[in-house]
Amino acid sequence: MVICRTATDDDVAELAAMRWDFRLEEAPGMPRHDRATFLRACQAFLGQGLADQRWTYWIATTDAQIVSHIYIQRIAKVPKPNRLDDAFGYVTNVYTRPTYRNRGVGTQLMAHVLRWAKEQDLESLIVWPSAASVQFYVRAGFQGSSEALEYQVRPYVL
């Protein structure tokens, strides 16, 4: 059974380890930093993102293990006379462990993210997808070019 939820401080170490795996999968070869140095830096970054509430890390777990995640950074827009607190979400670090791919886990997690974005009253979600992931985002409702895709959560307010 897959459980989708937002991450907590208790998840940061596992998320950092998954980030290491994710990046090495996409760009194999000798990393610039050793694993321990990377994990310390990544855990600090992720922990700070939770602390200042600029980042929300959505995770899918099964048997108490994180199997998929989607990170969203809330980006505030410049205030307008009729909307002082508008924002959009930057989607990044979307990853599912290889043994859980093609089982609908990422799709299920993205559905939670899209509902959350609506609850947060975000204007849109944007992502710069890899070539291999474009269809995943298009199936979820994102639109645009393969350079950048956008999911319109609600209409733009002048």
Protein backbone atom coordinates (compact mmCIF):
# COMPACT_ATOMS: atom_id res chain seq x y z
CA MET A 1 0.00 0.00 0.00
CA VAL A 2 1.32 3.41 -0.99
CA ILE A 3 0.89 6.35 1.39
CA CYS A 4 1.33 9.89 0.06
CA ARG A 5 2.20 12.69 2.47
CA THR A 6 4.43 15.68 2.96
CA ALA A 7 7.89 15.01 4.33
CA THR A 8 9.06 15.88 7.84
CA ASP A 9 12.48 16.38 9.40
CA ASP A 10 12.57 12.63 10.01
CA ASP A 11 12.58 12.06 6.22
CA VAL A 12 15.45 14.40 5.34
CA ALA A 13 18.28 11.83 5.56
CA GLU A 14 16.47 9.38 3.28
CA LEU A 15 15.57 12.15 0.83
CA ALA A 16 19.21 13.24 0.64
CA ALA A 17 20.30 9.64 -0.05
CA MET A 18 17.66 9.37 -2.78
CA ARG A 19 18.92 12.63 -4.31
CA TRP A 20 22.40 11.10 -4.52
CA ASP A 21 21.00 8.00 -6.24
CA PHE A 22 18.81 10.07 -8.57
CA ARG A 23 21.60 12.33 -9.77
CA LEU A 24 24.08 9.48 -10.26
CA GLU A 25 21.45 7.57 -12.24
CA GLU A 26 21.04 10.55 -14.58
CA ALA A 27 24.73 11.43 -14.77
CA PRO A 28 26.85 8.40 -13.95
CA GLY A 29 30.55 8.80 -13.48
CA MET A 30 32.76 10.21 -10.85
CA PRO A 31 30.86 12.71 -8.69
CA ARG A 32 32.60 15.93 -7.77
CA HIS A 33 32.02 15.37 -4.04
CA ASP A 34 32.16 12.23 -1.97
CA ARG A 35 28.86 10.79 -0.74
CA ALA A 36 29.28 11.82 2.91
CA THR A 37 30.04 15.45 2.00
CA PHE A 38 27.08 15.55 -0.38
CA LEU A 39 24.69 14.02 2.16
CA ARG A 40 25.65 16.58 4.83
CA ALA A 41 25.11 19.48 2.42
CA CYS A 42 21.88 18.09 1.00
CA GLN A 43 20.42 17.32 4.43
CA ALA A 44 21.21 20.87 5.55
CA PHE A 45 19.53 22.30 2.44
CA LEU A 46 16.44 20.10 2.77
CA GLY A 47 16.13 20.77 6.50
CA GLN A 48 16.34 24.52 5.94
CA GLY A 49 13.70 24.28 3.22
CA LEU A 50 11.34 22.65 5.69
CA ALA A 51 12.20 25.10 8.45
CA ASP A 52 11.54 28.23 6.41
CA GLN A 53 8.54 26.63 4.63
CA ARG A 54 9.76 27.64 1.17
CA TRP A 55 9.90 24.00 0.10
CA THR A 56 7.33 21.24 0.37
CA TYR A 57 8.56 17.72 -0.24
CA TRP A 58 5.81 15.30 -1.20
CA ILE A 59 6.68 11.65 -0.68
CA ALA A 60 5.12 8.28 -1.42
CA THR A 61 5.99 5.55 1.07
CA THR A 62 5.45 1.84 1.21
CA ASP A 63 6.52 -0.34 4.12
CA ALA A 64 7.94 2.78 5.83
CA GLN A 65 10.36 3.42 2.92
CA ILE A 66 10.21 6.47 0.68
CA VAL A 67 9.75 5.18 -2.87
CA SER A 68 8.95 8.41 -4.73
CA HIS A 69 9.12 12.16 -4.18
CA ILE A 70 8.22 15.49 -5.74
CA TYR A 71 9.67 18.77 -4.45
CA ILE A 72 7.82 22.07 -4.78
CA GLN A 73 9.25 25.49 -4.02
CA ARG A 74 6.68 28.18 -3.38
CA ILE A 75 7.69 31.33 -5.25
CA ALA A 76 6.03 34.57 -4.24
CA LYS A 77 4.98 36.95 -6.98
CA VAL A 78 5.27 40.70 -6.78
CA PRO A 79 2.10 42.07 -5.10
CA LYS A 80 -0.64 43.52 -7.29
CA PRO A 81 -3.38 45.89 -6.18
CA ASN A 82 -5.98 43.12 -6.33
CA ARG A 83 -3.76 40.22 -5.17
CA LEU A 84 -1.11 40.87 -2.53
CA ASP A 85 0.00 37.32 -1.85
CA ASP A 86 0.07 35.47 -5.16
CA ALA A 87 2.51 32.61 -5.77
CA PHE A 88 3.35 29.75 -8.09
CA GLY A 89 5.14 26.48 -7.49
CA TYR A 90 8.41 25.29 -9.00
CA VAL A 91 8.36 21.50 -9.38
CA THR A 92 11.69 19.69 -9.27
CA ASN A 93 13.49 16.55 -8.10
CA VAL A 94 10.69 14.24 -9.22
CA TYR A 95 11.99 10.72 -8.71
CA THR A 96 10.72 7.19 -8.20
CA ARG A 97 13.02 4.37 -7.16
CA PRO A 98 13.62 2.09 -10.18
CA THR A 99 11.88 -0.95 -8.66
CA TYR A 100 8.67 1.09 -8.16
CA ARG A 101 8.46 2.65 -11.62
CA ASN A 102 5.58 1.96 -14.00
CA ARG A 103 3.27 1.02 -11.11
CA GLY A 104 1.36 4.31 -10.92
CA VAL A 105 3.19 5.54 -7.80
CA GLY A 106 4.41 8.77 -9.44
CA THR A 107 0.98 9.41 -10.94
CA GLN A 108 -0.67 8.90 -7.56
CA LEU A 109 1.83 11.23 -5.88
CA MET A 110 1.37 13.90 -8.57
CA ALA A 111 -2.40 13.79 -8.02
CA HIS A 112 -1.79 14.68 -4.36
CA VAL A 113 0.52 17.51 -5.41
CA LEU A 114 -2.08 18.95 -7.81
CA ARG A 115 -4.80 18.87 -5.12
CA TRP A 116 -2.42 20.49 -2.64
CA ALA A 117 -1.54 23.23 -5.17
CA LYS A 118 -5.22 24.02 -5.52
CA GLU A 119 -5.66 24.11 -1.72
CA GLN A 120 -2.64 26.45 -1.50
CA ASP A 121 -4.25 28.69 -4.14
CA LEU A 122 -1.10 28.63 -6.25
CA GLU A 123 -1.48 30.22 -9.66
CA SER A 124 0.43 27.48 -11.45
CA LEU A 125 3.10 24.84 -11.23
CA ILE A 126 6.08 24.97 -13.56
CA VAL A 127 8.65 22.29 -14.39
CA TRP A 128 11.62 21.91 -16.70
CA PRO A 129 11.25 18.23 -17.58
CA SER A 130 13.78 15.79 -18.93
CA ALA A 131 12.93 14.44 -22.38
CA ALA A 132 11.96 11.10 -20.82
CA SER A 133 9.51 12.69 -18.38
CA VAL A 134 7.52 15.00 -20.68
CA GLN A 135 4.69 12.49 -21.19
CA PHE A 136 4.35 11.97 -17.42
CA TYR A 137 3.69 15.69 -16.96
CA VAL A 138 1.43 15.97 -20.01
CA ARG A 139 -0.71 13.08 -18.67
CA ALA A 140 -0.99 15.01 -15.38
CA GLY A 141 -2.31 18.09 -17.21
CA PHE A 142 0.83 20.20 -17.70
CA GLN A 143 1.05 22.10 -20.99
CA GLY A 144 3.68 23.93 -22.96
CA SER A 145 6.84 23.04 -24.81
CA SER A 146 9.31 20.35 -23.90
CA GLU A 147 11.51 23.15 -22.56
CA ALA A 148 9.13 24.14 -19.77
CA LEU A 149 5.70 22.87 -18.86
CA GLU A 150 3.05 24.56 -16.77
CA TYR A 151 0.02 23.28 -14.92
CA GLN A 152 -2.52 26.07 -14.52
CA VAL A 153 -3.99 25.65 -11.03
CA ARG A 154 -6.30 28.64 -11.47
CA PRO A 155 -6.67 31.46 -13.98
CA TYR A 156 -4.19 34.30 -13.94
CA VAL A 157 -5.37 37.33 -11.97
CA LEU A 158 -4.44 40.76 -13.36
